[in-house]
Structures are given as structure tokens and as C-alpha cells.
Amino acid sequence: MTKYSNFFYSKNGGKTGRDVDLEDALSSSNNDDVEFKKKYNDMMYCPECHKAILFLTIHTKKHPFLRKKPTSEHKRGCSKIYRAGSLQETSEYIDHLTNDQIENKVNSMFANLFGQKNTGNSESDNTGPKSEKESPFSFEISTGKIRRSLRVRSLKSYIDQEEDKDKVYLVYGNAKLSVITKTAKESNYKYDILEVDPQDKYHHVYRIYLGRHNEKNIDPNSEYKVLFIGKYNFEFKSYKEILENGEKKELEFGILI
């Protein structure tokens, strides 16, 4: 079953509208399902193809999520038609891409998610209709003409350690970045970690291993548009100090690699 971390909000059947993050929509509705449905019901569409109608599913033991109405269909070429690729399938596909293919793929994904090519941190509107060509979020696996999709989610998305374990995600959104240099205790080897902080309500901080990295132009005070592919490593533990209700609090979080 495909879950959606955002939706295309439209009052005219998906022709025009805007992308809305599910977590932002829940917060603006005070996490009240009645208020949420009053505001968004029958106006939520697939964020990729803008055709399939979505609805909010609420379970007492699970975080609210979006799914497709059974009577609604995606456009031809939308990646949501296909089953999500496994860790092995996705890894093998990425390993066989050339540098040029990776750059083209990333630029296509970036344009689809942010409405522009990967050229920095400028703003751009993203309300136009999506193409019916094959989606940059789907790929062909080596067993033949079988396609799989990438799981796409926002940096702000709620993370379920049990459900998200060993799954590959393409994660995207706006965040502040910084490069941190660490030293391994036993070998004394120095390595860099990219810290990605979306400053969301869950206080997520993603840390990505870079090895030795020469990027010196990242401004920790600027906000960047980012996307990356990986899986959550819940065994790695780190901590972030936050201020909550005037008191300092340490939060534990994992790393995405």
C-alpha cells in the first residue's frame, strides 16, 4: 500500500493548486480529523500526477496517513502505479547508473519536487500539470520490463521505526545544512558528516556519512532544497539539544545513510 507524505491541494479537480505537506496540514488543523476533512476532503490529489484522489486514514495506534481512494486512478506513467522497490532492487539499480545518468535523474526529480533544476536555493512555483511520460521516481529492474517505484517522503514526515526499517526512501525538502568533521576513536581516521536539519515539529536531524569531503561553501544559516536516497539506521544514536517550554531537552535521533 502506498502512503503519501504530501498532497496536491486543488479546488478544480487537480488542474491547478499547490503542494501541501501532510504534517503541515495536520498541524494547521490542530491534529483534529474533523477539522482536517472539513478543510481538505475531496480536494487532495496525488502529488505526482494530480489525478488520483487521496483521503486521510486514521488509526488509534498509528500516525495518520494518506492513501488513494479505491475508485480513483493515477495517470499513466505515475510512479505510484508500481510496487515500491525493495532494498536490493533499488540498490542494484542505483549501482548500475553512470554519473551522467545519476545527474539527469536527480535533476528530473528535483524539477518534479521543487519545480526547478538543481541550481541552488532559489524559489519557484510548482503548480503546473505533470507529464504522462514515465516518472523519474520509477525504474526498470533487471528481470525485464518490470518497473518499481521509489518511496518518496518529506523531510518533515513522521518516522515509524518498526514500519520504516530496511526500506529505501527518497527524502526531500527544505533544510539547514552543516558539515561536521568527526574522528574515529580507534583508527584516528577523520571523516565528514552532512547534518540536515528541516527544523520540523518532530525535531528530526538527519546525518549522512560523507567520508572525506571538500565542500566548504555550505552556509549553516541558509536554507537549502535537498533530496537524497537511503535507509534509516535506527541503531546509530546521536543527540540534539532543544529548548521546549523554556527548558532544555535532549532528543535522541538516528542517522540516514
C-alpha atoms as a PDB file:
ATOM      1  CA  MET A   1       0.000   0.000   0.000  1.00  0.00           C
ATOM      2  CA  THR A   2       1.336   3.412  -1.000  1.00  0.00           C
ATOM      3  CA  LYS A   3       1.347   6.136   1.644  1.00  0.00           C
ATOM      4  CA  TYR A   4       1.789   9.820   0.847  1.00  0.00           C
ATOM      5  CA  SER A   5       3.675  12.400   2.909  1.00  0.00           C
ATOM      6  CA  ASN A   6       2.166  15.298   0.938  1.00  0.00           C
ATOM      7  CA  PHE A   7      -0.693  16.010  -1.447  1.00  0.00           C
ATOM      8  CA  PHE A   8      -1.689  18.329  -4.284  1.00  0.00           C
ATOM      9  CA  TYR A   9      -4.408  20.610  -2.921  1.00  0.00           C
ATOM     10  CA  SER A  10      -6.827  21.626  -5.683  1.00  0.00           C
ATOM     11  CA  LYS A  11     -10.350  23.011  -5.812  1.00  0.00           C
ATOM     12  CA  ASN A  12     -10.810  22.307  -9.538  1.00  0.00           C
ATOM     13  CA  GLY A  13     -10.133  18.605  -9.941  1.00  0.00           C
ATOM     14  CA  GLY A  14      -6.353  18.768  -9.927  1.00  0.00           C
ATOM     15  CA  LYS A  15      -5.969  21.265 -12.777  1.00  0.00           C
ATOM     16  CA  THR A  16      -4.302  23.934 -10.633  1.00  0.00           C
ATOM     17  CA  GLY A  17      -3.370  24.079  -6.988  1.00  0.00           C
ATOM     18  CA  ARG A  18      -0.420  23.734  -4.668  1.00  0.00           C
ATOM     19  CA  ASP A  19       1.591  21.070  -2.888  1.00  0.00           C
ATOM     20  CA  VAL A  20       0.855  20.705   0.827  1.00  0.00           C
ATOM     21  CA  ASP A  21       2.897  18.723   3.343  1.00  0.00           C
ATOM     22  CA  LEU A  22       0.705  16.355   5.365  1.00  0.00           C
ATOM     23  CA  GLU A  23       2.396  17.297   8.648  1.00  0.00           C
ATOM     24  CA  ASP A  24       1.770  20.997   7.984  1.00  0.00           C
ATOM     25  CA  ALA A  25      -1.872  20.266   7.152  1.00  0.00           C
ATOM     26  CA  LEU A  26      -2.327  18.223  10.332  1.00  0.00           C
ATOM     27  CA  SER A  27      -0.764  20.993  12.419  1.00  0.00           C
ATOM     28  CA  SER A  28      -2.939  23.708  10.816  1.00  0.00           C
ATOM     29  CA  SER A  29      -5.980  21.560  11.656  1.00  0.00           C
ATOM     30  CA  ASN A  30      -4.825  21.135  15.277  1.00  0.00           C
ATOM     31  CA  ASN A  31      -4.478  17.384  14.585  1.00  0.00           C
ATOM     32  CA  ASP A  32      -8.261  17.158  14.537  1.00  0.00           C
ATOM     33  CA  ASP A  33      -9.555  14.769  11.849  1.00  0.00           C
ATOM     34  CA  VAL A  34     -12.956  16.500  11.592  1.00  0.00           C
ATOM     35  CA  GLU A  35     -11.334  19.897  11.013  1.00  0.00           C
ATOM     36  CA  PHE A  36      -8.830  18.353   8.588  1.00  0.00           C
ATOM     37  CA  LYS A  37     -11.539  16.689   6.492  1.00  0.00           C
ATOM     38  CA  LYS A  38     -13.666  19.838   6.501  1.00  0.00           C
ATOM     39  CA  LYS A  39     -10.723  21.778   5.091  1.00  0.00           C
ATOM     40  CA  TYR A  40      -9.207  19.268   2.631  1.00  0.00           C
ATOM     41  CA  ASN A  41     -11.666  16.420   1.888  1.00  0.00           C
ATOM     42  CA  ASP A  42     -12.184  15.740  -1.852  1.00  0.00           C
ATOM     43  CA  MET A  43      -9.506  18.325  -2.667  1.00  0.00           C
ATOM     44  CA  MET A  44      -6.431  16.142  -2.113  1.00  0.00           C
ATOM     45  CA  TYR A  45      -4.755  14.599  -5.140  1.00  0.00           C
ATOM     46  CA  CYS A  46      -1.668  12.543  -5.894  1.00  0.00           C
ATOM     47  CA  PRO A  47       1.300  14.938  -5.580  1.00  0.00           C
ATOM     48  CA  GLU A  48       2.877  13.446  -8.683  1.00  0.00           C
ATOM     49  CA  CYS A  49       0.139  13.042 -11.307  1.00  0.00           C
ATOM     50  CA  HIS A  50      -2.573  15.322  -9.820  1.00  0.00           C
ATOM     51  CA  LYS A  51      -5.281  12.836 -10.854  1.00  0.00           C
ATOM     52  CA  ALA A  52      -5.784  10.160  -8.179  1.00  0.00           C
ATOM     53  CA  ILE A  53      -7.887  11.352  -5.228  1.00  0.00           C
ATOM     54  CA  LEU A  54      -6.474  10.811  -1.743  1.00  0.00           C
ATOM     55  CA  PHE A  55      -8.103  10.546   1.671  1.00  0.00           C
ATOM     56  CA  LEU A  56      -6.890  10.615   5.260  1.00  0.00           C
ATOM     57  CA  THR A  57      -6.705   7.330   7.177  1.00  0.00           C
ATOM     58  CA  ILE A  58      -6.649   7.464  10.956  1.00  0.00           C
ATOM     59  CA  HIS A  59      -5.839   4.547  13.266  1.00  0.00           C
ATOM     60  CA  THR A  60      -5.688   4.787  17.037  1.00  0.00           C
ATOM     61  CA  LYS A  61      -2.298   3.031  17.144  1.00  0.00           C
ATOM     62  CA  LYS A  62      -0.744   4.542  14.001  1.00  0.00           C
ATOM     63  CA  HIS A  63       0.115   8.007  12.818  1.00  0.00           C
ATOM     64  CA  PRO A  64      -2.444   9.432  10.307  1.00  0.00           C
ATOM     65  CA  PHE A  65      -1.550   8.833   6.668  1.00  0.00           C
ATOM     66  CA  LEU A  66      -2.902   9.442   3.165  1.00  0.00           C
ATOM     67  CA  ARG A  67      -3.926   6.734   0.715  1.00  0.00           C
ATOM     68  CA  LYS A  68      -5.652   6.574  -2.655  1.00  0.00           C
ATOM     69  CA  LYS A  69      -9.401   6.173  -2.959  1.00  0.00           C
ATOM     70  CA  PRO A  70     -10.110   2.685  -4.391  1.00  0.00           C
ATOM     71  CA  THR A  71     -12.345   4.125  -7.135  1.00  0.00           C
ATOM     72  CA  SER A  72      -9.724   6.669  -8.251  1.00  0.00           C
ATOM     73  CA  GLU A  73      -6.838   6.029 -10.659  1.00  0.00           C
ATOM     74  CA  HIS A  74      -3.407   7.526 -11.297  1.00  0.00           C
ATOM     75  CA  LYS A  75      -2.336   8.921 -14.656  1.00  0.00           C
ATOM     76  CA  ARG A  76      -0.411   6.665 -16.978  1.00  0.00           C
ATOM     77  CA  GLY A  77       3.301   6.869 -16.137  1.00  0.00           C
ATOM     78  CA  CYS A  78       2.816   7.913 -12.498  1.00  0.00           C
ATOM     79  CA  SER A  79       5.261   6.019 -10.272  1.00  0.00           C
ATOM     80  CA  LYS A  80       2.522   5.314  -7.709  1.00  0.00           C
ATOM     81  CA  ILE A  81       1.126   2.682 -10.083  1.00  0.00           C
ATOM     82  CA  TYR A  82       4.102   0.428  -9.392  1.00  0.00           C
ATOM     83  CA  ARG A  83       5.137  -1.550  -6.358  1.00  0.00           C
ATOM     84  CA  ALA A  84       7.874   0.083  -4.270  1.00  0.00           C
ATOM     85  CA  GLY A  85      11.335  -1.296  -4.952  1.00  0.00           C
ATOM     86  CA  SER A  86      12.995  -3.436  -2.302  1.00  0.00           C
ATOM     87  CA  LEU A  87      16.327  -2.504  -0.750  1.00  0.00           C
ATOM     88  CA  GLN A  88      18.117  -4.932  -3.091  1.00  0.00           C
ATOM     89  CA  GLU A  89      16.267  -3.848  -6.244  1.00  0.00           C
ATOM     90  CA  THR A  90      16.825  -0.147  -5.569  1.00  0.00           C
ATOM     91  CA  SER A  91      20.483  -0.605  -4.619  1.00  0.00           C
ATOM     92  CA  GLU A  92      21.236  -2.644  -7.752  1.00  0.00           C
ATOM     93  CA  TYR A  93      19.525  -0.085  -9.968  1.00  0.00           C
ATOM     94  CA  ILE A  94      21.479   2.834  -8.485  1.00  0.00           C
ATOM     95  CA  ASP A  95      24.790   0.908  -8.593  1.00  0.00           C
ATOM     96  CA  HIS A  96      24.449   0.426 -12.359  1.00  0.00           C
ATOM     97  CA  LEU A  97      23.842   4.108 -13.159  1.00  0.00           C
ATOM     98  CA  THR A  98      26.625   6.189 -14.687  1.00  0.00           C
ATOM     99  CA  ASN A  99      27.491   9.615 -13.257  1.00  0.00           C
ATOM    100  CA  ASP A 100      25.663  11.304 -16.148  1.00  0.00           C
ATOM    101  CA  GLN A 101      22.583   9.156 -15.583  1.00  0.00           C
ATOM    102  CA  ILE A 102      22.612   9.982 -11.880  1.00  0.00           C
ATOM    103  CA  GLU A 103      22.862  13.718 -12.629  1.00  0.00           C
ATOM    104  CA  ASN A 104      19.969  13.533 -15.130  1.00  0.00           C
ATOM    105  CA  LYS A 105      17.861  11.524 -12.696  1.00  0.00           C
ATOM    106  CA  VAL A 106      18.487  13.916  -9.820  1.00  0.00           C
ATOM    107  CA  ASN A 107      17.693  16.959 -11.992  1.00  0.00           C
ATOM    108  CA  SER A 108      14.415  15.340 -13.125  1.00  0.00           C
ATOM    109  CA  MET A 109      13.452  14.518  -9.550  1.00  0.00           C
ATOM    110  CA  PHE A 110      14.425  17.978  -8.372  1.00  0.00           C
ATOM    111  CA  ALA A 111      12.335  19.650 -11.099  1.00  0.00           C
ATOM    112  CA  ASN A 112       9.342  17.457 -10.223  1.00  0.00           C
ATOM    113  CA  LEU A 113       9.545  18.069  -6.477  1.00  0.00           C
ATOM    114  CA  PHE A 114      10.623  21.705  -6.435  1.00  0.00           C
ATOM    115  CA  GLY A 115       9.586  22.953  -9.879  1.00  0.00           C
ATOM    116  CA  GLN A 116      13.140  23.762 -10.951  1.00  0.00           C
ATOM    117  CA  LYS A 117      16.519  22.297 -11.823  1.00  0.00           C
ATOM    118  CA  ASN A 118      19.034  21.662  -9.034  1.00  0.00           C
ATOM    119  CA  THR A 119      20.767  25.051  -9.125  1.00  0.00           C
ATOM    120  CA  GLY A 120      20.795  26.229  -5.511  1.00  0.00           C
ATOM    121  CA  ASN A 121      18.225  27.608  -3.109  1.00  0.00           C
ATOM    122  CA  SER A 122      16.050  29.980  -5.174  1.00  0.00           C
ATOM    123  CA  GLU A 123      12.244  29.809  -5.043  1.00  0.00           C
ATOM    124  CA  SER A 124       9.927  28.562  -7.792  1.00  0.00           C
ATOM    125  CA  ASP A 125       6.192  27.903  -8.177  1.00  0.00           C
ATOM    126  CA  ASN A 126       5.150  24.310  -8.841  1.00  0.00           C
ATOM    127  CA  THR A 127       1.501  24.296  -9.845  1.00  0.00           C
ATOM    128  CA  GLY A 128       1.555  23.080 -13.453  1.00  0.00           C
ATOM    129  CA  PRO A 129       0.256  19.685 -14.624  1.00  0.00           C
ATOM    130  CA  LYS A 130       2.585  16.672 -14.560  1.00  0.00           C
ATOM    131  CA  SER A 131       3.673  14.898 -17.727  1.00  0.00           C
ATOM    132  CA  GLU A 132       2.336  11.436 -18.622  1.00  0.00           C
ATOM    133  CA  LYS A 133       5.843  10.208 -19.534  1.00  0.00           C
ATOM    134  CA  GLU A 134       7.482   7.669 -17.234  1.00  0.00           C
ATOM    135  CA  SER A 135       8.105   9.216 -13.857  1.00  0.00           C
ATOM    136  CA  PRO A 136      11.668   9.896 -12.619  1.00  0.00           C
ATOM    137  CA  PHE A 137      10.546   8.133  -9.424  1.00  0.00           C
ATOM    138  CA  SER A 138      10.112   4.771 -11.155  1.00  0.00           C
ATOM    139  CA  PHE A 139      12.769   2.464 -12.593  1.00  0.00           C
ATOM    140  CA  GLU A 140      13.119  -0.780 -14.525  1.00  0.00           C
ATOM    141  CA  ILE A 141      14.589  -3.754 -12.713  1.00  0.00           C
ATOM    142  CA  SER A 142      16.967  -6.245 -14.315  1.00  0.00           C
ATOM    143  CA  THR A 143      14.434  -9.053 -14.590  1.00  0.00           C
ATOM    144  CA  GLY A 144      12.812  -7.499 -17.661  1.00  0.00           C
ATOM    145  CA  LYS A 145      10.119  -4.935 -18.386  1.00  0.00           C
ATOM    146  CA  ILE A 146       9.069  -4.771 -14.746  1.00  0.00           C
ATOM    147  CA  ARG A 147       9.033  -1.366 -13.093  1.00  0.00           C
ATOM    148  CA  ARG A 148       9.341  -0.410  -9.468  1.00  0.00           C
ATOM    149  CA  SER A 149       8.879   2.913  -7.686  1.00  0.00           C
ATOM    150  CA  LEU A 150      10.890   4.853  -5.146  1.00  0.00           C
ATOM    151  CA  ARG A 151       9.230   5.618  -1.839  1.00  0.00           C
ATOM    152  CA  VAL A 152       9.117   9.420  -1.710  1.00  0.00           C
ATOM    153  CA  ARG A 153       8.673  11.274   1.544  1.00  0.00           C
ATOM    154  CA  SER A 154       9.147  14.716   3.016  1.00  0.00           C
ATOM    155  CA  LEU A 155      11.899  15.595   5.487  1.00  0.00           C
ATOM    156  CA  LYS A 156       9.075  16.539   7.863  1.00  0.00           C
ATOM    157  CA  SER A 157       7.407  13.123   7.727  1.00  0.00           C
ATOM    158  CA  TYR A 158       6.654  11.147  10.845  1.00  0.00           C
ATOM    159  CA  ILE A 159       9.127   8.256  11.204  1.00  0.00           C
ATOM    160  CA  ASP A 160       7.912   4.868  12.442  1.00  0.00           C
ATOM    161  CA  GLN A 161      10.915   2.765  13.489  1.00  0.00           C
ATOM    162  CA  GLU A 162       9.053  -0.524  13.114  1.00  0.00           C
ATOM    163  CA  GLU A 163       7.425   0.226   9.759  1.00  0.00           C
ATOM    164  CA  ASP A 164      10.322   2.140   8.143  1.00  0.00           C
ATOM    165  CA  LYS A 165      13.082  -0.319   8.995  1.00  0.00           C
ATOM    166  CA  ASP A 166      15.022  -1.674   5.969  1.00  0.00           C
ATOM    167  CA  LYS A 167      13.037   0.397   3.469  1.00  0.00           C
ATOM    168  CA  VAL A 168      14.649   2.749   0.962  1.00  0.00           C
ATOM    169  CA  TYR A 169      13.320   6.308   0.811  1.00  0.00           C
ATOM    170  CA  LEU A 170      13.892   9.311  -1.377  1.00  0.00           C
ATOM    171  CA  VAL A 171      13.709  12.122   1.173  1.00  0.00           C
ATOM    172  CA  TYR A 172      13.316  15.753   0.141  1.00  0.00           C
ATOM    173  CA  GLY A 173      12.501  19.195   1.462  1.00  0.00           C
ATOM    174  CA  ASN A 174      13.911  22.448   2.799  1.00  0.00           C
ATOM    175  CA  ALA A 175      16.586  22.293   5.485  1.00  0.00           C
ATOM    176  CA  LYS A 176      19.590  23.936   7.026  1.00  0.00           C
ATOM    177  CA  LEU A 177      22.869  22.150   6.308  1.00  0.00           C
ATOM    178  CA  SER A 178      26.220  21.873   8.019  1.00  0.00           C
ATOM    179  CA  VAL A 179      29.298  19.675   7.571  1.00  0.00           C
ATOM    180  CA  ILE A 180      30.723  18.178  10.760  1.00  0.00           C
ATOM    181  CA  THR A 181      34.190  16.593  10.936  1.00  0.00           C
ATOM    182  CA  LYS A 182      34.498  13.565  13.209  1.00  0.00           C
ATOM    183  CA  THR A 183      37.477  11.421  14.289  1.00  0.00           C
ATOM    184  CA  ALA A 184      37.201   7.643  14.675  1.00  0.00           C
ATOM    185  CA  LYS A 185      38.301   6.575  18.162  1.00  0.00           C
ATOM    186  CA  GLU A 186      40.380   3.513  17.249  1.00  0.00           C
ATOM    187  CA  SER A 187      41.918   4.450  13.886  1.00  0.00           C
ATOM    188  CA  ASN A 188      42.053   8.229  14.389  1.00  0.00           C
ATOM    189  CA  TYR A 189      40.577   8.494  10.864  1.00  0.00           C
ATOM    190  CA  LYS A 190      38.892  11.825  10.150  1.00  0.00           C
ATOM    191  CA  TYR A 191      35.608  11.821   8.252  1.00  0.00           C
ATOM    192  CA  ASP A 192      32.805  14.265   7.462  1.00  0.00           C
ATOM    193  CA  ILE A 193      29.089  14.042   8.159  1.00  0.00           C
ATOM    194  CA  LEU A 194      26.411  16.161   6.498  1.00  0.00           C
ATOM    195  CA  GLU A 195      23.847  17.293   9.035  1.00  0.00           C
ATOM    196  CA  VAL A 196      20.406  18.015   7.539  1.00  0.00           C
ATOM    197  CA  ASP A 197      18.025  19.868   9.835  1.00  0.00           C
ATOM    198  CA  PRO A 198      14.494  20.569   8.481  1.00  0.00           C
ATOM    199  CA  GLN A 199      13.593  22.235  11.790  1.00  0.00           C
ATOM    200  CA  ASP A 200      10.305  20.342  11.887  1.00  0.00           C
ATOM    201  CA  LYS A 201       7.910  19.669  14.757  1.00  0.00           C
ATOM    202  CA  TYR A 202       9.479  16.259  15.445  1.00  0.00           C
ATOM    203  CA  HIS A 203      12.963  17.821  15.723  1.00  0.00           C
ATOM    204  CA  HIS A 204      14.369  15.390  13.173  1.00  0.00           C
ATOM    205  CA  VAL A 205      18.029  15.750  12.278  1.00  0.00           C
ATOM    206  CA  TYR A 206      19.433  13.566   9.518  1.00  0.00           C
ATOM    207  CA  ARG A 207      23.141  12.771   9.482  1.00  0.00           C
ATOM    208  CA  ILE A 208      24.698  11.383   6.311  1.00  0.00           C
ATOM    209  CA  TYR A 209      28.185   9.911   6.149  1.00  0.00           C
ATOM    210  CA  LEU A 210      30.331  11.675   3.509  1.00  0.00           C
ATOM    211  CA  GLY A 211      33.792  10.220   4.093  1.00  0.00           C
ATOM    212  CA  ARG A 212      36.313  12.952   3.355  1.00  0.00           C
ATOM    213  CA  HIS A 213      34.518  15.885   1.778  1.00  0.00           C
ATOM    214  CA  ASN A 214      35.824  19.149   0.338  1.00  0.00           C
ATOM    215  CA  GLU A 215      32.575  21.119   0.360  1.00  0.00           C
ATOM    216  CA  LYS A 216      33.358  24.416   2.089  1.00  0.00           C
ATOM    217  CA  ASN A 217      30.616  26.627   0.610  1.00  0.00           C
ATOM    218  CA  ILE A 218      27.700  25.483   2.773  1.00  0.00           C
ATOM    219  CA  ASP A 219      26.271  28.349   4.792  1.00  0.00           C
ATOM    220  CA  PRO A 220      24.775  26.952   8.050  1.00  0.00           C
ATOM    221  CA  ASN A 221      22.482  29.998   8.288  1.00  0.00           C
ATOM    222  CA  SER A 222      20.891  29.478   4.848  1.00  0.00           C
ATOM    223  CA  GLU A 223      18.026  27.165   3.938  1.00  0.00           C
ATOM    224  CA  TYR A 224      18.598  24.705   1.079  1.00  0.00           C
ATOM    225  CA  LYS A 225      16.412  22.489  -1.054  1.00  0.00           C
ATOM    226  CA  VAL A 226      17.723  18.948  -0.664  1.00  0.00           C
ATOM    227  CA  LEU A 227      16.977  15.388  -1.709  1.00  0.00           C
ATOM    228  CA  PHE A 228      18.773  12.137  -1.008  1.00  0.00           C
ATOM    229  CA  ILE A 229      18.149   8.386  -1.135  1.00  0.00           C
ATOM    230  CA  GLY A 230      18.902   5.997   1.693  1.00  0.00           C
ATOM    231  CA  LYS A 231      17.549   3.934   4.551  1.00  0.00           C
ATOM    232  CA  TYR A 232      17.185   4.715   8.217  1.00  0.00           C
ATOM    233  CA  ASN A 233      19.781   3.327  10.597  1.00  0.00           C
ATOM    234  CA  PHE A 234      17.995   3.202  13.936  1.00  0.00           C
ATOM    235  CA  GLU A 235      20.963   1.551  15.669  1.00  0.00           C
ATOM    236  CA  PHE A 236      23.079   4.694  15.395  1.00  0.00           C
ATOM    237  CA  LYS A 237      22.320   7.061  18.250  1.00  0.00           C
ATOM    238  CA  SER A 238      23.022  10.749  18.489  1.00  0.00           C
ATOM    239  CA  TYR A 239      21.510  13.626  20.387  1.00  0.00           C
ATOM    240  CA  LYS A 240      20.180  17.095  19.736  1.00  0.00           C
ATOM    241  CA  GLU A 241      19.578  19.687  22.447  1.00  0.00           C
ATOM    242  CA  ILE A 242      16.379  21.707  22.020  1.00  0.00           C
ATOM    243  CA  LEU A 243      14.504  24.318  24.009  1.00  0.00           C
ATOM    244  CA  GLU A 244      10.959  23.200  24.851  1.00  0.00           C
ATOM    245  CA  ASN A 245       8.641  25.277  27.063  1.00  0.00           C
ATOM    246  CA  GLY A 246      11.646  27.235  28.277  1.00  0.00           C
ATOM    247  CA  GLU A 247      13.532  24.098  29.340  1.00  0.00           C
ATOM    248  CA  LYS A 248      16.499  22.403  27.686  1.00  0.00           C
ATOM    249  CA  LYS A 249      15.805  18.875  26.475  1.00  0.00           C
ATOM    250  CA  GLU A 250      17.967  16.244  24.750  1.00  0.00           C
ATOM    251  CA  LEU A 251      16.392  14.305  21.908  1.00  0.00           C
ATOM    252  CA  GLU A 252      17.730  11.022  20.559  1.00  0.00           C
ATOM    253  CA  PHE A 253      17.729  10.502  16.792  1.00  0.00           C
ATOM    254  CA  GLY A 254      19.182   8.147  14.208  1.00  0.00           C
ATOM    255  CA  ILE A 255      21.190   8.560  11.036  1.00  0.00           C
ATOM    256  CA  LEU A 256      20.099   8.157   7.429  1.00  0.00           C
ATOM    257  CA  ILE A 257      22.775   6.549   5.242  1.00  0.00           C
END
